């Protein structure tokens, strides 16, 4: 009974977390698209949070959230498979591969948006400048154009993708690392157990026939 209650509690907490992340992601997307306006005083936590996220991550937050949601879903499936007594080895392997794939995708989003931010920043800061125009506008203007154009986005997404990807690996090791080790260890010795079991049956038959 206690075990059932613990499983229900974990399921509820996972659902609550995924729901909160999904709602925040939808709200952010609608806010960026102009369909949802976050109201409040300029110094409120919600307004500052949305402004900081948009300035540092931009639209990259959407694929980040999707990759994180897919990772959480597959990691939950993997944990449930490892807790069952008759998990199919191929299913466990495929699910673990999907967890690792979502981690790699999270890394890849950071790398991709880094390139996008660098490209946009260079185009905004230097795309339409020649030597004379650059000299007249000055280095401070060019630096502002680079930052506003995407350099800040490039650096922020690199940090987010790197830190997030390593944290996802740590979470996998922490939650299912021991279960995976035990599962694959049992899988490796299963053929030997079957051979020993058959040999024991043969011994039992021989002992019975000699009596």
N, C-alpha and C. Protein backbone atom coordinates (compact mmCIF):
# COMPACT_ATOMS: atom_id res chain seq x y z
N UNK A 1 0.83 -1.20 0.00
CA UNK A 1 0.00 0.00 0.00
C UNK A 1 0.87 1.26 0.00
N UNK A 2 1.91 1.21 0.83
CA UNK A 2 2.80 2.37 0.91
C UNK A 2 3.52 2.58 -0.42
N UNK A 3 3.93 1.46 -1.05
CA UNK A 3 4.62 1.56 -2.34
C UNK A 3 3.71 2.14 -3.41
N UNK A 4 2.43 1.75 -3.40
CA UNK A 4 1.47 2.28 -4.38
C UNK A 4 1.28 3.78 -4.18
N UNK A 5 1.19 4.20 -2.92
CA UNK A 5 1.03 5.62 -2.63
C UNK A 5 2.25 6.42 -3.06
N UNK A 6 3.45 5.84 -2.88
CA UNK A 6 4.66 6.53 -3.31
C UNK A 6 4.71 6.67 -4.81
N UNK A 7 4.30 5.63 -5.54
CA UNK A 7 4.28 5.71 -7.00
C UNK A 7 3.29 6.76 -7.48
N UNK A 8 2.10 6.80 -6.84
CA UNK A 8 1.11 7.81 -7.22
C UNK A 8 1.63 9.21 -6.92
N UNK A 9 2.32 9.36 -5.79
CA UNK A 9 2.86 10.67 -5.44
C UNK A 9 3.91 11.11 -6.44
N UNK A 10 4.80 10.18 -6.85
CA UNK A 10 5.82 10.52 -7.83
C UNK A 10 5.19 10.87 -9.17
N UNK A 11 4.16 10.11 -9.56
CA UNK A 11 3.49 10.39 -10.82
C UNK A 11 2.83 11.77 -10.79
N UNK A 12 2.21 12.10 -9.67
CA UNK A 12 1.57 13.41 -9.53
C UNK A 12 2.60 14.54 -9.61
N UNK A 13 3.74 14.38 -8.94
CA UNK A 13 4.77 15.42 -8.93
C UNK A 13 5.37 15.59 -10.32
N UNK A 14 5.60 14.47 -11.03
CA UNK A 14 6.13 14.56 -12.39
C UNK A 14 5.13 15.26 -13.31
N UNK A 15 3.85 14.88 -13.19
CA UNK A 15 2.82 15.54 -14.00
C UNK A 15 2.70 17.02 -13.69
N UNK A 16 2.80 17.36 -12.41
CA UNK A 16 2.73 18.77 -12.01
C UNK A 16 3.90 19.55 -12.57
N UNK A 17 5.10 18.96 -12.51
CA UNK A 17 6.28 19.64 -13.02
C UNK A 17 6.19 19.83 -14.53
N UNK A 18 5.81 18.76 -15.26
CA UNK A 18 5.70 18.87 -16.71
C UNK A 18 4.61 19.86 -17.10
N UNK A 19 3.50 19.87 -16.35
CA UNK A 19 2.45 20.83 -16.63
C UNK A 19 2.91 22.25 -16.42
N UNK A 20 3.66 22.48 -15.34
CA UNK A 20 4.17 23.82 -15.07
C UNK A 20 5.15 24.29 -16.14
N UNK A 21 6.04 23.38 -16.56
CA UNK A 21 6.99 23.73 -17.61
C UNK A 21 6.27 24.00 -18.93
N UNK A 22 5.28 23.16 -19.26
CA UNK A 22 4.53 23.38 -20.49
C UNK A 22 3.75 24.68 -20.48
N UNK A 23 3.12 25.01 -19.35
CA UNK A 23 2.37 26.25 -19.24
C UNK A 23 3.29 27.46 -19.37
N UNK A 24 4.46 27.38 -18.71
CA UNK A 24 5.42 28.49 -18.81
C UNK A 24 5.92 28.66 -20.24
N UNK A 25 6.18 27.53 -20.92
CA UNK A 25 6.63 27.61 -22.30
C UNK A 25 5.58 28.20 -23.23
N UNK A 26 4.33 27.78 -23.05
CA UNK A 26 3.24 28.34 -23.88
C UNK A 26 3.06 29.82 -23.60
N UNK A 27 3.12 30.20 -22.33
CA UNK A 27 2.99 31.60 -21.99
C UNK A 27 4.11 32.44 -22.58
N UNK A 28 5.32 31.92 -22.54
CA UNK A 28 6.45 32.65 -23.11
C UNK A 28 6.30 32.81 -24.61
N UNK A 29 5.90 31.73 -25.30
CA UNK A 29 5.72 31.79 -26.75
C UNK A 29 4.64 32.78 -27.13
N UNK A 30 3.52 32.76 -26.41
CA UNK A 30 2.44 33.69 -26.69
C UNK A 30 2.86 35.14 -26.41
N UNK A 31 3.66 35.32 -25.37
CA UNK A 31 4.13 36.67 -25.05
C UNK A 31 5.07 37.20 -26.13
N UNK A 32 5.98 36.34 -26.60
CA UNK A 32 6.90 36.77 -27.66
C UNK A 32 6.15 37.07 -28.94
N UNK A 33 5.09 36.26 -29.23
CA UNK A 33 4.30 36.48 -30.44
C UNK A 33 3.35 37.66 -30.33
N UNK A 34 3.21 38.25 -29.15
CA UNK A 34 2.34 39.40 -28.97
C UNK A 34 0.90 39.04 -28.69
N UNK A 35 0.60 37.75 -28.48
CA UNK A 35 -0.77 37.32 -28.21
C UNK A 35 -1.10 37.33 -26.73
N UNK A 36 -0.09 37.41 -25.89
CA UNK A 36 -0.29 37.44 -24.45
C UNK A 36 0.59 38.52 -23.87
N UNK A 37 0.01 39.37 -23.06
CA UNK A 37 0.74 40.47 -22.46
C UNK A 37 0.86 40.21 -20.96
N UNK A 38 2.08 40.19 -20.48
CA UNK A 38 2.33 40.02 -19.05
C UNK A 38 2.30 41.39 -18.40
N UNK A 39 1.30 41.62 -17.59
CA UNK A 39 1.13 42.93 -16.95
C UNK A 39 1.69 42.91 -15.55
N UNK A 40 1.96 44.05 -15.05
CA UNK A 40 2.50 44.20 -13.71
C UNK A 40 3.44 45.38 -13.66
N UNK A 41 3.93 45.69 -12.50
CA UNK A 41 4.86 46.80 -12.35
C UNK A 41 6.16 46.45 -13.05
N UNK A 42 6.89 47.42 -13.55
CA UNK A 42 8.13 47.14 -14.28
C UNK A 42 9.15 46.34 -13.46
N UNK A 43 9.07 46.46 -12.13
CA UNK A 43 10.02 45.74 -11.30
C UNK A 43 9.52 44.40 -10.80
N UNK A 44 8.34 43.94 -11.26
CA UNK A 44 7.80 42.68 -10.78
C UNK A 44 8.63 41.51 -11.28
N UNK A 45 8.53 40.40 -10.56
CA UNK A 45 9.34 39.24 -10.89
C UNK A 45 8.97 38.67 -12.26
N UNK A 46 7.65 38.61 -12.56
CA UNK A 46 7.19 38.03 -13.83
C UNK A 46 7.70 38.84 -15.01
N UNK A 47 7.55 40.17 -14.93
CA UNK A 47 7.97 41.03 -16.04
C UNK A 47 9.47 40.96 -16.23
N UNK A 48 10.21 41.05 -15.15
CA UNK A 48 11.67 40.98 -15.26
C UNK A 48 12.13 39.61 -15.76
N UNK A 49 11.41 38.55 -15.32
CA UNK A 49 11.77 37.21 -15.77
C UNK A 49 11.58 37.04 -17.27
N UNK A 50 10.44 37.49 -17.78
CA UNK A 50 10.18 37.38 -19.21
C UNK A 50 11.17 38.24 -20.01
N UNK A 51 11.46 39.43 -19.52
CA UNK A 51 12.41 40.30 -20.22
C UNK A 51 13.81 39.70 -20.24
N UNK A 52 14.22 39.10 -19.12
CA UNK A 52 15.55 38.50 -19.05
C UNK A 52 15.64 37.29 -19.97
N UNK A 53 14.61 36.44 -19.96
CA UNK A 53 14.61 35.26 -20.81
C UNK A 53 14.65 35.63 -22.29
N UNK A 54 13.86 36.63 -22.67
CA UNK A 54 13.82 37.03 -24.07
C UNK A 54 15.14 37.66 -24.50
N UNK A 55 15.75 38.46 -23.62
CA UNK A 55 17.01 39.11 -23.97
C UNK A 55 18.15 38.11 -24.09
N UNK A 56 18.13 37.06 -23.26
CA UNK A 56 19.25 36.13 -23.22
C UNK A 56 19.05 34.88 -24.06
N UNK A 57 17.80 34.40 -24.18
CA UNK A 57 17.55 33.15 -24.89
C UNK A 57 16.69 33.31 -26.13
N UNK A 58 15.85 34.33 -26.18
CA UNK A 58 15.02 34.54 -27.35
C UNK A 58 14.13 33.34 -27.64
N UNK A 59 14.00 33.01 -28.93
CA UNK A 59 13.14 31.90 -29.33
C UNK A 59 13.78 30.54 -29.05
N UNK A 60 15.06 30.51 -28.69
CA UNK A 60 15.71 29.23 -28.40
C UNK A 60 15.09 28.56 -27.17
N UNK A 61 14.42 29.33 -26.33
CA UNK A 61 13.80 28.75 -25.15
C UNK A 61 12.74 27.71 -25.52
N UNK A 62 12.07 27.89 -26.65
CA UNK A 62 11.01 26.96 -27.06
C UNK A 62 11.58 25.58 -27.37
N UNK A 63 12.58 25.44 -28.25
CA UNK A 63 13.14 24.09 -28.46
C UNK A 63 13.83 23.55 -27.21
N UNK A 64 14.40 24.43 -26.39
CA UNK A 64 14.98 23.96 -25.13
C UNK A 64 13.92 23.28 -24.26
N UNK A 65 12.75 23.91 -24.16
CA UNK A 65 11.67 23.36 -23.34
C UNK A 65 11.15 22.06 -23.93
N UNK A 66 11.01 22.00 -25.27
CA UNK A 66 10.53 20.79 -25.91
C UNK A 66 11.51 19.62 -25.69
N UNK A 67 12.80 19.91 -25.83
CA UNK A 67 13.80 18.86 -25.59
C UNK A 67 13.79 18.41 -24.14
N UNK A 68 13.63 19.36 -23.22
CA UNK A 68 13.59 19.01 -21.80
C UNK A 68 12.35 18.19 -21.47
N UNK A 69 11.21 18.53 -22.09
CA UNK A 69 9.98 17.76 -21.86
C UNK A 69 10.12 16.34 -22.39
N UNK A 70 10.69 16.20 -23.60
CA UNK A 70 10.91 14.87 -24.14
C UNK A 70 11.87 14.06 -23.29
N UNK A 71 12.88 14.72 -22.76
CA UNK A 71 13.83 14.04 -21.87
C UNK A 71 13.14 13.55 -20.61
N UNK A 72 12.33 14.41 -19.99
CA UNK A 72 11.63 14.01 -18.77
C UNK A 72 10.67 12.85 -19.01
N UNK A 73 9.98 12.88 -20.15
CA UNK A 73 9.02 11.82 -20.47
C UNK A 73 9.73 10.48 -20.66
N UNK A 74 10.82 10.48 -21.44
CA UNK A 74 11.54 9.24 -21.70
C UNK A 74 12.26 8.74 -20.46
N UNK A 75 12.76 9.65 -19.63
CA UNK A 75 13.42 9.23 -18.40
C UNK A 75 12.42 8.59 -17.44
N UNK A 76 11.22 9.12 -17.41
CA UNK A 76 10.18 8.52 -16.56
C UNK A 76 9.83 7.12 -17.08
N UNK A 77 9.69 6.96 -18.39
CA UNK A 77 9.43 5.63 -18.97
C UNK A 77 10.54 4.65 -18.62
N UNK A 78 11.79 5.11 -18.72
CA UNK A 78 12.91 4.24 -18.43
C UNK A 78 12.90 3.81 -16.96
N UNK A 79 12.57 4.71 -16.09
CA UNK A 79 12.54 4.36 -14.66
C UNK A 79 11.44 3.36 -14.36
N UNK A 80 10.28 3.53 -14.99
CA UNK A 80 9.19 2.58 -14.79
C UNK A 80 9.55 1.20 -15.35
N UNK A 81 10.25 1.17 -16.48
CA UNK A 81 10.67 -0.11 -17.05
C UNK A 81 11.64 -0.83 -16.12
N UNK A 82 12.56 -0.09 -15.54
CA UNK A 82 13.54 -0.70 -14.65
C UNK A 82 12.91 -1.19 -13.35
N UNK A 83 11.81 -0.56 -12.95
CA UNK A 83 11.12 -0.98 -11.73
C UNK A 83 10.25 -2.21 -11.95
N UNK A 84 9.93 -2.52 -13.21
CA UNK A 84 9.11 -3.70 -13.49
C UNK A 84 9.97 -4.96 -13.46
N UNK A 85 9.31 -6.11 -13.30
CA UNK A 85 10.03 -7.37 -13.16
C UNK A 85 10.29 -8.06 -14.49
N UNK A 86 9.57 -7.70 -15.54
CA UNK A 86 9.70 -8.41 -16.82
C UNK A 86 9.91 -7.42 -17.97
N UNK A 87 10.81 -6.46 -17.76
CA UNK A 87 11.06 -5.45 -18.79
C UNK A 87 11.77 -6.09 -19.98
N UNK A 88 11.33 -5.72 -21.18
CA UNK A 88 11.96 -6.22 -22.39
C UNK A 88 13.29 -5.51 -22.60
N UNK A 89 14.40 -6.25 -22.78
CA UNK A 89 15.71 -5.60 -22.94
C UNK A 89 15.76 -4.62 -24.11
N UNK A 90 15.11 -4.95 -25.21
CA UNK A 90 15.14 -4.07 -26.37
C UNK A 90 14.40 -2.77 -26.08
N UNK A 91 13.30 -2.87 -25.34
CA UNK A 91 12.55 -1.66 -24.98
C UNK A 91 13.37 -0.77 -24.06
N UNK A 92 14.05 -1.39 -23.10
CA UNK A 92 14.90 -0.62 -22.19
C UNK A 92 16.02 0.07 -22.96
N UNK A 93 16.64 -0.65 -23.88
CA UNK A 93 17.73 -0.08 -24.67
C UNK A 93 17.24 1.07 -25.54
N UNK A 94 16.08 0.90 -26.18
CA UNK A 94 15.53 1.97 -27.03
C UNK A 94 15.18 3.20 -26.21
N UNK A 95 14.59 2.99 -25.02
CA UNK A 95 14.21 4.11 -24.18
C UNK A 95 15.43 4.85 -23.66
N UNK A 96 16.46 4.11 -23.26
CA UNK A 96 17.70 4.77 -22.82
C UNK A 96 18.33 5.56 -23.96
N UNK A 97 18.27 5.02 -25.17
CA UNK A 97 18.81 5.74 -26.33
C UNK A 97 18.06 7.04 -26.57
N UNK A 98 16.75 7.04 -26.35
CA UNK A 98 15.96 8.26 -26.52
C UNK A 98 16.30 9.30 -25.45
N UNK A 99 16.55 8.83 -24.23
CA UNK A 99 16.97 9.76 -23.17
C UNK A 99 18.29 10.42 -23.55
N UNK A 100 19.25 9.63 -24.02
CA UNK A 100 20.54 10.17 -24.44
C UNK A 100 20.38 11.08 -25.66
N UNK A 101 19.46 10.73 -26.55
CA UNK A 101 19.21 11.55 -27.73
C UNK A 101 18.69 12.93 -27.33
N UNK A 102 17.75 12.99 -26.37
CA UNK A 102 17.22 14.27 -25.92
C UNK A 102 18.31 15.13 -25.27
N UNK A 103 19.23 14.48 -24.57
CA UNK A 103 20.36 15.22 -24.00
C UNK A 103 21.24 15.80 -25.09
N UNK A 104 21.51 15.00 -26.12
CA UNK A 104 22.32 15.49 -27.24
C UNK A 104 21.60 16.61 -27.99
N UNK A 105 20.30 16.48 -28.15
CA UNK A 105 19.52 17.53 -28.80
C UNK A 105 19.61 18.83 -28.01
N UNK A 106 19.56 18.73 -26.68
CA UNK A 106 19.67 19.92 -25.84
C UNK A 106 21.01 20.60 -26.07
N UNK A 107 22.09 19.81 -26.10
CA UNK A 107 23.41 20.36 -26.44
C UNK A 107 23.36 21.02 -27.82
N UNK A 108 22.77 20.30 -28.79
CA UNK A 108 22.75 20.78 -30.16
C UNK A 108 21.99 22.08 -30.34
N UNK A 109 20.92 22.25 -29.57
CA UNK A 109 20.17 23.51 -29.65
C UNK A 109 21.05 24.68 -29.23
N UNK A 110 21.82 24.48 -28.15
CA UNK A 110 22.72 25.54 -27.72
C UNK A 110 23.75 25.87 -28.78
N UNK A 111 24.32 24.85 -29.43
CA UNK A 111 25.32 25.09 -30.46
C UNK A 111 24.70 25.78 -31.67
N UNK A 112 23.51 25.31 -32.08
CA UNK A 112 22.85 25.89 -33.25
C UNK A 112 22.51 27.35 -33.03
N UNK A 113 21.92 27.67 -31.87
CA UNK A 113 21.56 29.07 -31.61
C UNK A 113 22.79 29.94 -31.38
N UNK A 114 23.89 29.33 -30.98
CA UNK A 114 25.14 30.09 -30.90
C UNK A 114 25.54 30.58 -32.29
N UNK A 115 25.49 29.68 -33.26
CA UNK A 115 25.83 30.07 -34.62
C UNK A 115 24.84 31.10 -35.17
N UNK A 116 23.55 30.90 -34.87
CA UNK A 116 22.54 31.85 -35.35
C UNK A 116 22.78 33.23 -34.73
N UNK A 117 23.05 33.27 -33.42
CA UNK A 117 23.29 34.54 -32.76
C UNK A 117 24.53 35.24 -33.28
N UNK A 118 25.61 34.50 -33.49
CA UNK A 118 26.82 35.10 -34.02
C UNK A 118 26.59 35.66 -35.42
N UNK A 119 25.89 34.91 -36.25
CA UNK A 119 25.62 35.37 -37.61
C UNK A 119 24.77 36.64 -37.60
N UNK A 120 23.67 36.62 -36.81
CA UNK A 120 22.81 37.79 -36.76
C UNK A 120 23.53 39.00 -36.18
N UNK A 121 24.36 38.76 -35.15
CA UNK A 121 25.10 39.87 -34.56
C UNK A 121 26.08 40.49 -35.54
N UNK A 122 26.80 39.65 -36.28
CA UNK A 122 27.76 40.18 -37.26
C UNK A 122 27.05 40.93 -38.38
N UNK A 123 25.91 40.39 -38.83
CA UNK A 123 25.16 41.08 -39.88
C UNK A 123 24.62 42.42 -39.38
N UNK A 124 24.12 42.45 -38.13
CA UNK A 124 23.58 43.69 -37.59
C UNK A 124 24.67 44.73 -37.34
N UNK A 125 25.84 44.27 -36.89
CA UNK A 125 26.89 45.22 -36.55
C UNK A 125 27.77 45.63 -37.71
N UNK A 126 28.01 44.71 -38.65
CA UNK A 126 28.99 44.97 -39.71
C UNK A 126 28.45 44.77 -41.11
N UNK A 127 27.21 44.32 -41.23
CA UNK A 127 26.69 43.95 -42.53
C UNK A 127 26.64 45.08 -43.54
N UNK A 128 26.25 46.27 -43.12
CA UNK A 128 26.09 47.38 -44.06
C UNK A 128 27.10 48.50 -43.82
N UNK A 129 28.23 48.18 -43.21
CA UNK A 129 29.23 49.19 -42.91
C UNK A 129 30.43 49.07 -43.85
N UNK A 130 30.95 50.20 -44.23
CA UNK A 130 32.26 50.23 -44.88
C UNK A 130 33.23 50.94 -43.94
N UNK A 131 34.45 51.11 -44.38
CA UNK A 131 35.47 51.68 -43.50
C UNK A 131 35.11 53.11 -43.07
N UNK A 132 34.61 53.90 -44.01
CA UNK A 132 34.29 55.28 -43.68
C UNK A 132 33.11 55.37 -42.72
N UNK A 133 32.06 54.58 -42.97
CA UNK A 133 30.89 54.59 -42.10
C UNK A 133 31.23 54.08 -40.71
N UNK A 134 32.05 53.04 -40.63
CA UNK A 134 32.46 52.50 -39.34
C UNK A 134 33.26 53.52 -38.55
N UNK A 135 34.13 54.26 -39.23
CA UNK A 135 34.92 55.28 -38.54
C UNK A 135 34.04 56.41 -38.03
N UNK A 136 33.01 56.76 -38.80
CA UNK A 136 32.15 57.85 -38.39
C UNK A 136 31.23 57.47 -37.23
N UNK A 137 30.74 56.25 -37.21
CA UNK A 137 29.83 55.81 -36.16
C UNK A 137 30.56 55.47 -34.87
N UNK A 138 31.77 54.96 -34.98
CA UNK A 138 32.54 54.67 -33.79
C UNK A 138 32.38 53.24 -33.30
N UNK A 139 33.35 52.82 -32.48
CA UNK A 139 33.37 51.44 -31.99
C UNK A 139 32.23 51.14 -31.02
N UNK A 140 31.80 52.16 -30.24
CA UNK A 140 30.73 51.93 -29.27
C UNK A 140 29.42 51.58 -29.97
N UNK A 141 29.14 52.27 -31.06
CA UNK A 141 27.93 51.98 -31.84
C UNK A 141 27.98 50.56 -32.41
N UNK A 142 29.14 50.20 -32.97
CA UNK A 142 29.28 48.87 -33.57
C UNK A 142 29.13 47.80 -32.50
N UNK A 143 29.72 48.03 -31.31
CA UNK A 143 29.61 47.07 -30.23
C UNK A 143 28.16 46.89 -29.79
N UNK A 144 27.44 47.98 -29.69
CA UNK A 144 26.01 47.88 -29.32
C UNK A 144 25.22 47.11 -30.36
N UNK A 145 25.52 47.33 -31.62
CA UNK A 145 24.83 46.61 -32.68
C UNK A 145 25.13 45.12 -32.62
N UNK A 146 26.38 44.78 -32.32
CA UNK A 146 26.73 43.37 -32.21
C UNK A 146 25.99 42.71 -31.06
N UNK A 147 25.93 43.39 -29.91
CA UNK A 147 25.27 42.82 -28.74
C UNK A 147 23.77 42.70 -28.98
N UNK A 148 23.16 43.78 -29.45
CA UNK A 148 21.71 43.75 -29.70
C UNK A 148 21.35 42.81 -30.84
N UNK A 149 22.26 42.64 -31.77
CA UNK A 149 21.96 41.81 -32.94
C UNK A 149 22.00 40.33 -32.67
N UNK A 150 22.71 39.89 -31.62
CA UNK A 150 22.68 38.46 -31.35
C UNK A 150 23.89 37.88 -30.62
N UNK A 151 24.91 38.67 -30.35
CA UNK A 151 26.08 38.14 -29.65
C UNK A 151 25.70 37.67 -28.25
N UNK A 152 24.89 38.46 -27.56
CA UNK A 152 24.45 38.07 -26.22
C UNK A 152 23.65 36.77 -26.27
N UNK A 153 22.77 36.65 -27.26
CA UNK A 153 21.99 35.43 -27.44
C UNK A 153 22.91 34.23 -27.68
N UNK A 154 23.95 34.43 -28.50
CA UNK A 154 24.87 33.34 -28.80
C UNK A 154 25.58 32.84 -27.55
N UNK A 155 26.08 33.75 -26.73
CA UNK A 155 26.79 33.36 -25.52
C UNK A 155 25.85 32.71 -24.51
N UNK A 156 24.65 33.25 -24.36
CA UNK A 156 23.70 32.72 -23.37
C UNK A 156 23.23 31.32 -23.74
N UNK A 157 22.95 31.09 -25.02
CA UNK A 157 22.49 29.76 -25.42
C UNK A 157 23.62 28.73 -25.31
N UNK A 158 24.86 29.16 -25.52
CA UNK A 158 25.99 28.24 -25.31
C UNK A 158 26.05 27.79 -23.86
N UNK A 159 25.92 28.75 -22.95
CA UNK A 159 25.95 28.44 -21.52
C UNK A 159 24.77 27.55 -21.14
N UNK A 160 23.57 27.92 -21.62
CA UNK A 160 22.36 27.15 -21.28
C UNK A 160 22.45 25.72 -21.81
N UNK A 161 22.88 25.56 -23.06
CA UNK A 161 22.99 24.22 -23.64
C UNK A 161 24.02 23.37 -22.95
N UNK A 162 25.18 23.96 -22.61
CA UNK A 162 26.23 23.21 -21.95
C UNK A 162 25.85 22.79 -20.54
N UNK A 163 25.44 23.76 -19.74
CA UNK A 163 25.09 23.46 -18.35
C UNK A 163 23.88 22.52 -18.30
N UNK A 164 22.86 22.83 -19.10
CA UNK A 164 21.66 22.00 -19.10
C UNK A 164 21.94 20.56 -19.53
N UNK A 165 22.78 20.39 -20.55
CA UNK A 165 23.10 19.04 -21.01
C UNK A 165 23.83 18.23 -19.96
N UNK A 166 24.79 18.84 -19.28
CA UNK A 166 25.52 18.12 -18.23
C UNK A 166 24.62 17.82 -17.03
N UNK A 167 23.73 18.74 -16.70
CA UNK A 167 22.79 18.49 -15.60
C UNK A 167 21.86 17.33 -15.95
N UNK A 168 21.43 17.26 -17.20
CA UNK A 168 20.57 16.16 -17.63
C UNK A 168 21.30 14.82 -17.52
N UNK A 169 22.57 14.79 -17.84
CA UNK A 169 23.35 13.56 -17.68
C UNK A 169 23.46 13.17 -16.21
N UNK A 170 23.69 14.18 -15.36
CA UNK A 170 23.79 13.89 -13.92
C UNK A 170 22.47 13.36 -13.38
N UNK A 171 21.35 13.92 -13.83
CA UNK A 171 20.04 13.47 -13.37
C UNK A 171 19.80 12.02 -13.79
N UNK A 172 20.17 11.68 -15.02
CA UNK A 172 20.00 10.30 -15.48
C UNK A 172 20.82 9.34 -14.62
N UNK A 173 22.07 9.70 -14.37
CA UNK A 173 22.92 8.84 -13.55
C UNK A 173 22.37 8.70 -12.13
N UNK A 174 21.87 9.81 -11.59
CA UNK A 174 21.37 9.81 -10.22
C UNK A 174 20.10 8.98 -10.09
N UNK A 175 19.19 9.10 -11.06
CA UNK A 175 17.88 8.46 -10.93
C UNK A 175 17.87 7.01 -11.40
N UNK A 176 18.54 6.71 -12.49
CA UNK A 176 18.43 5.36 -13.07
C UNK A 176 19.78 4.69 -13.28
N UNK A 177 20.87 5.33 -12.87
CA UNK A 177 22.18 4.74 -13.11
C UNK A 177 22.35 3.38 -12.45
N UNK A 178 21.99 3.29 -11.18
CA UNK A 178 22.12 2.02 -10.46
C UNK A 178 21.19 0.96 -11.04
N UNK A 179 19.96 1.37 -11.38
CA UNK A 179 19.00 0.42 -11.97
C UNK A 179 19.47 -0.11 -13.31
N UNK A 180 20.04 0.78 -14.15
CA UNK A 180 20.56 0.33 -15.44
C UNK A 180 21.73 -0.65 -15.26
N UNK A 181 22.62 -0.34 -14.33
CA UNK A 181 23.76 -1.23 -14.08
C UNK A 181 23.28 -2.61 -13.64
N UNK A 182 22.32 -2.64 -12.74
CA UNK A 182 21.80 -3.92 -12.27
C UNK A 182 21.07 -4.66 -13.37
N UNK A 183 20.30 -3.93 -14.19
CA UNK A 183 19.55 -4.58 -15.28
C UNK A 183 20.49 -5.22 -16.28
N UNK A 184 21.51 -4.48 -16.74
CA UNK A 184 22.42 -5.03 -17.74
C UNK A 184 23.30 -6.13 -17.15
N UNK A 185 23.60 -6.03 -15.87
CA UNK A 185 24.37 -7.10 -15.23
C UNK A 185 23.56 -8.39 -15.17
N UNK A 186 22.28 -8.27 -14.80
CA UNK A 186 21.41 -9.45 -14.78
C UNK A 186 21.20 -10.00 -16.18
N UNK A 187 21.14 -9.10 -17.15
CA UNK A 187 20.96 -9.54 -18.54
C UNK A 187 22.18 -10.31 -19.03
N UNK A 188 23.37 -9.90 -18.57
CA UNK A 188 24.60 -10.57 -19.01
C UNK A 188 24.72 -11.97 -18.42
N UNK A 189 24.26 -12.15 -17.19
CA UNK A 189 24.41 -13.47 -16.54
C UNK A 189 23.20 -14.37 -16.78
N UNK A 190 22.16 -13.85 -17.44
CA UNK A 190 20.96 -14.66 -17.66
C UNK A 190 21.26 -15.93 -18.46
N UNK A 191 22.05 -15.88 -19.56
CA UNK A 191 22.33 -17.14 -20.29
C UNK A 191 23.03 -18.18 -19.42
N UNK A 192 23.94 -17.72 -18.55
CA UNK A 192 24.64 -18.66 -17.67
C UNK A 192 23.67 -19.28 -16.67
N UNK A 193 22.72 -18.47 -16.18
CA UNK A 193 21.72 -19.01 -15.26
C UNK A 193 20.87 -20.07 -15.94
N UNK A 194 20.53 -19.83 -17.23
CA UNK A 194 19.74 -20.81 -17.96
C UNK A 194 20.53 -22.11 -18.16
N UNK A 195 21.82 -21.99 -18.47
CA UNK A 195 22.65 -23.19 -18.65
C UNK A 195 22.77 -23.96 -17.34
N UNK A 196 23.00 -23.23 -16.26
CA UNK A 196 23.12 -23.88 -14.95
C UNK A 196 21.81 -24.57 -14.57
N UNK A 197 20.68 -23.91 -14.89
CA UNK A 197 19.39 -24.50 -14.59
C UNK A 197 19.15 -25.79 -15.37
N UNK A 198 19.54 -25.79 -16.65
CA UNK A 198 19.37 -27.01 -17.45
C UNK A 198 20.30 -28.13 -16.96
N UNK A 199 21.52 -27.77 -16.60
CA UNK A 199 22.44 -28.77 -16.08
C UNK A 199 21.92 -29.36 -14.77
N UNK A 200 21.31 -28.52 -13.96
CA UNK A 200 20.75 -29.01 -12.69
C UNK A 200 19.60 -29.98 -12.95
N UNK A 201 18.81 -29.70 -14.00
CA UNK A 201 17.72 -30.62 -14.35
C UNK A 201 18.28 -31.97 -14.80
N UNK A 202 19.37 -31.92 -15.58
CA UNK A 202 19.99 -33.17 -16.04
C UNK A 202 20.52 -33.96 -14.86
N UNK A 203 21.15 -33.26 -13.93
CA UNK A 203 21.67 -33.94 -12.73
C UNK A 203 20.53 -34.56 -11.95
N UNK A 204 19.41 -33.85 -11.81
CA UNK A 204 18.27 -34.38 -11.07
C UNK A 204 17.72 -35.64 -11.75
N UNK A 205 17.66 -35.61 -13.11
CA UNK A 205 17.15 -36.78 -13.85
C UNK A 205 18.08 -37.97 -13.68
N UNK A 206 19.40 -37.72 -13.76
CA UNK A 206 20.36 -38.81 -13.58
C UNK A 206 20.30 -39.39 -12.19
N UNK A 207 20.18 -38.53 -11.18
CA UNK A 207 20.07 -39.01 -9.81
C UNK A 207 18.81 -39.83 -9.61
N UNK A 208 17.72 -39.40 -10.24
CA UNK A 208 16.45 -40.15 -10.11
C UNK A 208 16.54 -41.49 -10.78
N UNK A 209 17.21 -41.54 -11.96
CA UNK A 209 17.26 -42.80 -12.71
C UNK A 209 18.19 -43.82 -12.08
N UNK A 210 19.16 -43.39 -11.28
CA UNK A 210 20.08 -44.31 -10.63
C UNK A 210 19.55 -44.87 -9.32
N UNK A 211 18.45 -44.34 -8.84
CA UNK A 211 17.89 -44.82 -7.58
C UNK A 211 17.03 -46.06 -7.82
